[in-house]
Protein backbone atom coordinates (compact mmCIF):
# COMPACT_ATOMS: atom_id res chain seq x y z
CA MET A 1 151.66 18.75 124.68
CA ASP A 2 150.84 21.77 123.78
CA ARG A 3 147.88 20.49 122.14
CA MET A 4 146.98 18.24 124.51
CA ALA A 5 146.74 20.77 127.09
CA GLN A 6 144.74 23.11 124.98
CA THR A 7 142.18 20.54 124.13
CA ALA A 8 141.50 19.93 127.81
CA LEU A 9 141.34 23.91 128.30
CA ASN A 10 138.88 23.59 125.70
CA SER A 11 136.67 20.94 127.12
CA MET A 12 136.91 22.71 130.89
CA LYS A 13 135.60 25.63 128.89
CA ASN A 14 132.65 23.62 127.61
CA LEU A 15 132.13 22.37 130.68
CA MET A 16 132.55 25.36 132.06
CA GLU A 17 129.26 26.75 129.97
CA ASN A 18 127.75 23.63 130.79
CA GLN A 19 127.75 24.15 134.15
CA MET A 20 126.18 27.44 133.49
CA ALA A 21 122.99 26.70 132.33
CA THR A 22 122.46 23.54 134.72
CA ALA A 23 122.58 26.40 137.37
CA HIS A 24 120.01 28.08 135.42
CA ASN A 25 117.63 25.13 134.98
CA LEU A 26 117.95 24.37 138.65
CA SER A 27 117.06 27.88 139.41
CA ASN A 28 114.43 28.31 137.26
CA LEU A 29 112.88 25.09 138.62
CA VAL A 30 109.77 26.58 140.23
CA THR A 31 109.01 29.07 136.97
CA PRO A 32 106.09 28.41 135.04
CA GLY A 33 106.56 27.60 131.19
CA TYR A 34 110.44 27.55 131.78
CA ARG A 35 112.07 25.68 128.73
CA GLN A 36 115.14 23.66 130.35
CA ASP A 37 118.22 24.92 128.45
CA VAL A 38 119.82 21.42 126.70
CA ILE A 39 123.48 21.58 127.69
CA THR A 40 124.67 17.64 125.74
CA ASP A 41 125.05 18.73 121.88
CA PHE A 42 128.75 19.60 120.95
CA SER A 43 130.04 19.38 117.59
CA ALA A 44 133.40 19.03 116.05
CA LEU A 45 135.04 22.58 114.91
CA TYR A 46 137.93 22.09 112.40
CA LEU A 47 140.53 24.97 111.74
CA ASN A 48 142.95 25.30 109.18
CA ARG A 49 145.82 27.78 107.71
CA ASN A 50 143.26 30.03 106.45
CA LYS A 51 143.88 32.46 108.89
CA GLY A 52 147.17 31.46 109.83
CA LEU A 53 146.21 28.76 112.53
CA GLU A 54 147.28 25.45 112.95
CA PRO A 55 145.24 22.54 111.35
CA ARG A 56 143.49 21.40 114.66
CA ILE A 57 140.11 19.95 115.77
CA VAL A 58 138.64 21.17 119.01
CA ALA A 59 134.88 21.08 120.80
CA GLY A 60 132.14 23.49 120.40
CA ARG A 61 128.42 23.54 122.42
CA GLU A 62 125.89 25.27 120.28
CA VAL A 63 124.16 27.43 122.07
CA GLY A 64 120.71 28.55 122.28
CA LYS A 65 118.92 24.87 122.25
CA PHE A 66 116.18 23.58 124.74
CA SER A 67 113.46 21.29 125.39
CA ILE A 68 110.19 21.27 124.18
CA GLU A 69 108.65 18.94 126.59
CA GLN A 70 105.72 19.92 127.89
CA GLY A 71 105.76 20.31 131.48
CA THR A 72 102.94 19.50 134.12
CA MET A 73 99.29 21.00 134.39
CA GLU A 74 98.59 22.41 137.64
CA ASN A 75 95.34 23.18 138.07
CA THR A 76 94.45 26.74 140.18
CA ASN A 77 91.26 27.68 139.06
CA ASN A 78 92.04 31.13 138.92
CA PRO A 79 91.06 32.60 135.33
CA THR A 80 94.56 34.66 134.88
CA ASP A 81 96.37 31.88 134.53
CA ILE A 82 96.50 30.19 131.45
CA ALA A 83 98.35 27.41 129.31
CA ILE A 84 98.88 25.93 126.12
CA ASP A 85 97.97 22.64 125.54
CA GLY A 86 100.66 20.90 123.39
CA ASN A 87 103.15 22.56 121.07
CA GLY A 88 102.84 26.51 120.94
CA TYR A 89 103.80 29.75 122.36
CA PHE A 90 102.29 32.63 123.66
CA VAL A 91 103.59 35.86 122.12
CA ILE A 92 105.16 38.57 124.68
CA GLN A 93 107.01 41.93 124.87
CA PRO A 94 109.91 41.75 127.04
CA GLN A 95 111.31 45.07 128.54
CA ASN A 96 114.22 45.22 125.45
CA GLY A 97 111.32 46.13 123.62
CA ILE A 98 112.01 42.76 121.10
CA PRO A 99 108.78 40.47 120.77
CA ALA A 100 109.61 36.79 121.78
CA PHE A 101 108.06 33.62 122.54
CA SER A 102 106.93 32.23 125.78
CA ARG A 103 105.00 29.82 127.39
CA ARG A 104 104.61 31.39 131.21
CA GLY A 105 101.03 31.89 131.36
CA ASP A 106 100.75 33.18 134.70
CA LEU A 107 99.15 36.64 133.84
CA ASN A 108 98.24 39.35 136.22
CA ILE A 109 97.19 42.97 134.88
CA ASN A 110 98.72 46.26 136.21
CA GLU A 111 97.25 49.80 137.07
CA ASN A 112 97.00 50.50 133.80
CA GLY A 113 95.34 47.80 132.42
CA GLU A 114 97.82 45.99 130.94
CA LEU A 115 97.98 42.34 130.87
CA LEU A 116 101.18 41.01 132.30
CA ASP A 117 103.24 37.53 132.71
CA GLY A 118 104.90 37.17 135.90
CA ALA A 119 107.61 38.41 134.92
CA GLY A 120 106.69 41.83 133.79
CA ASN A 121 106.78 41.04 130.17
CA LEU A 122 103.46 42.52 128.23
CA VAL A 123 101.53 39.75 126.53
CA LEU A 124 100.84 41.01 122.86
CA ASP A 125 97.22 40.76 120.93
CA ALA A 126 96.97 38.86 117.58
CA GLY A 127 97.78 42.06 115.99
CA MET A 128 101.02 42.04 117.88
CA GLN A 129 100.08 45.39 120.11
CA PRO A 130 99.95 44.92 123.98
CA ILE A 131 96.59 44.32 125.90
CA VAL A 132 95.01 47.09 127.66
CA ILE A 133 92.06 45.71 129.70
CA PRO A 134 89.05 47.35 130.85
CA ALA A 135 87.62 47.68 134.20
CA PHE A 136 85.96 44.45 134.91
CA ARG A 137 83.14 42.33 137.63
CA GLU A 138 84.56 39.05 135.75
CA ILE A 139 86.94 37.37 133.22
CA ASN A 140 87.73 34.32 131.28
CA ILE A 141 89.82 33.56 128.42
CA SER A 142 88.23 30.89 125.89
CA SER A 143 90.57 28.29 124.15
CA GLN A 144 91.14 30.38 121.19
CA GLY A 145 92.47 33.19 123.55
CA GLU A 146 89.59 35.24 123.43
CA ILE A 147 89.41 37.63 126.75
CA LEU A 148 86.02 37.82 127.58
CA ILE A 149 84.94 40.42 130.19
CA GLN A 150 81.68 41.69 132.30
CA PRO A 151 82.06 45.32 132.15
CA ILE A 152 81.50 47.02 135.54
CA ALA A 153 78.98 49.51 134.05
CA ALA A 154 77.19 46.25 132.08
CA GLU A 155 73.67 45.17 133.24
CA PRO A 156 72.93 42.23 134.91
CA GLY A 157 72.95 39.31 132.61
CA ALA A 158 74.34 41.66 129.68
CA LEU A 159 76.41 39.38 127.38
CA PRO A 160 80.88 39.39 128.11
CA VAL A 161 82.51 41.62 125.71
CA ASN A 162 85.53 40.65 124.21
CA VAL A 163 88.29 42.68 124.35
CA ALA A 164 91.37 41.28 122.97
CA ASN A 165 92.46 38.09 121.60
CA ILE A 166 95.98 36.88 122.81
CA ALA A 167 98.62 36.11 120.17
CA THR A 168 99.85 32.43 119.81
CA PHE A 169 101.73 30.77 117.75
CA VAL A 170 102.37 27.00 116.82
CA PRO A 171 105.84 26.74 114.78
CA ASN A 172 105.66 24.48 111.79
CA GLY A 173 108.79 22.28 110.38
CA ASP A 174 110.12 25.31 108.82
CA ASN A 175 111.08 27.16 112.12
CA THR A 176 114.06 26.94 114.30
CA LEU A 177 113.61 28.77 117.22
CA LYS A 178 116.44 29.39 120.08
CA LYS A 179 116.93 31.21 123.17
CA SER A 180 118.29 34.36 122.84
CA LEU A 181 121.28 36.11 124.99
CA ASP A 182 118.36 37.67 127.11
CA GLY A 183 116.84 33.97 128.19
CA HIS A 184 114.09 34.68 126.01
CA ILE A 185 112.61 32.19 122.92
CA ARG A 186 113.19 34.13 118.97
CA PHE A 187 113.42 32.58 115.68
CA ALA A 188 116.85 31.85 115.11
CA GLU A 189 118.44 34.58 113.01
CA VAL A 190 119.44 33.88 109.46
CA VAL A 191 122.25 35.47 106.77
CA ASN A 192 120.98 37.55 103.74
CA ALA A 193 122.58 38.06 100.95
CA ASN A 194 124.81 40.53 102.27
CA GLY A 195 126.40 37.80 104.79
CA GLU A 196 124.43 40.10 107.91
CA ALA A 197 122.18 38.43 110.18
CA GLU A 198 118.62 39.57 110.53
CA ASN A 199 115.89 38.82 113.10
CA ILE A 200 112.68 37.07 111.74
CA PRO A 201 109.58 39.59 112.72
CA ILE A 202 107.44 36.83 114.51
CA GLU A 203 103.53 36.63 112.83
CA PRO A 204 101.07 35.14 115.42
CA ASN A 205 99.17 32.44 113.71
CA GLN A 206 97.05 31.63 116.55
CA GLN A 207 96.90 27.98 116.34
CA GLY A 208 97.83 27.27 120.17
CA LYS A 209 95.00 25.76 121.91
CA ILE A 210 94.65 27.50 125.29
CA ILE A 211 93.43 26.07 129.17
CA SER A 212 92.44 28.45 131.31
CA GLY A 213 92.56 27.83 135.12
CA PHE A 214 95.89 25.87 135.04
CA LEU A 215 99.41 26.81 134.90
CA GLU A 216 101.87 24.65 133.12
CA LYS A 217 105.04 24.36 135.57
CA SER A 218 109.02 23.57 134.61
CA ASN A 219 109.87 20.71 132.35
CA VAL A 220 113.26 20.39 134.21
CA ASN A 221 114.39 17.49 135.61
CA ALA A 222 116.22 18.11 139.23
CA ILE A 223 116.53 14.75 139.58
CA GLU A 224 118.92 14.90 136.21
CA GLU A 225 119.80 18.61 136.62
CA MET A 226 121.52 16.79 140.06
CA VAL A 227 123.53 14.25 138.39
CA ASN A 228 124.72 16.43 135.39
CA THR A 229 126.26 19.03 137.94
CA ILE A 230 128.17 15.86 139.74
CA ASP A 231 129.07 14.31 136.07
CA GLN A 232 130.67 17.58 134.84
CA MET A 233 132.22 17.96 138.38
CA ARG A 234 134.02 14.87 138.12
CA LYS A 235 134.98 15.41 134.42
CA PHE A 236 136.72 19.06 135.29
CA GLU A 237 138.21 17.45 137.56
CA MET A 238 139.69 14.70 135.11
CA HIS A 239 140.93 17.10 132.88
CA VAL A 240 142.60 19.62 135.41
CA LYS A 241 144.74 16.25 136.00
CA LEU A 242 144.92 15.67 132.44
CA ILE A 243 146.82 19.11 131.92
CA GLN A 244 148.98 18.01 135.51
CA MET A 245 149.86 15.10 133.94
CA THR A 246 150.78 17.29 130.39
CA GLU A 247 153.37 19.53 132.67
CA GLU A 248 154.93 16.43 133.98
CA LEU A 249 155.16 14.98 130.85
CA ASP A 250 157.00 18.17 129.21
CA THR A 251 159.48 18.81 132.19
CA ALA A 252 160.08 15.04 131.75
CA GLY A 253 160.95 15.88 127.69
CA THR A 254 162.48 18.99 128.78
CA SER A 255 165.26 17.13 131.28
CA LEU A 256 165.54 14.11 128.77
CA MET A 257 167.23 16.86 126.06
CA ARG A 258 169.09 19.14 128.52
CA LEU A 259 172.81 18.41 127.68
CA PRO A 260 175.18 16.87 130.39
CA GLY A 261 176.36 19.23 132.71
CA MET A 262 174.23 21.53 131.96
């Protein structure tokens, strides 16, 4: 009966993690470019006696996966709102300093001229450097990621100046992406010859097709997430009842084995 209870507890742990992912998806329902966390990937883990453990099979969930389905495009007519059409990512530098991929395109310029996304992450250029934009009268972003401005001191009718190229990356079949613990998308870690995990550096390939004046909405389906929430609650209750039944069976078995008169 102990194994039955342990199996139920392990499943409840996975259900709790799924519920956390569902709550995270719902909380980012209106976040531009957000990628839905995938919560239905389960795998079987076989524990053997190599480390003194009893042989048994338990369920495990692979974390870090996300949906690559494109979200709805919203026309904002704002020249600093951009989106990637099809597959691909912008390259950003979060506050922890480790570059990551992003689909978020609600850009703004701070008081230092640095180009940021809506979450305050630095947007990087094709050379993996933060983009700094000088004062301008007009700004436009091309489909190749070229940032074209009319400087304040420019004469009327002067040609626009290219001040930076936004870094983009389109993954190929050799690239495996996953969400890190900080919620940002990066390459999955690889194990080197010494058995140590290594991070793969990001190198933009400038193959993303940018649409200016549009924002990509989150690809989270609110109805689907609400259904997942109800389903997870029911499964959790079912496992609680299973543990209660296991306790009752253990109690009944103990009473049968008790010696008469004891």
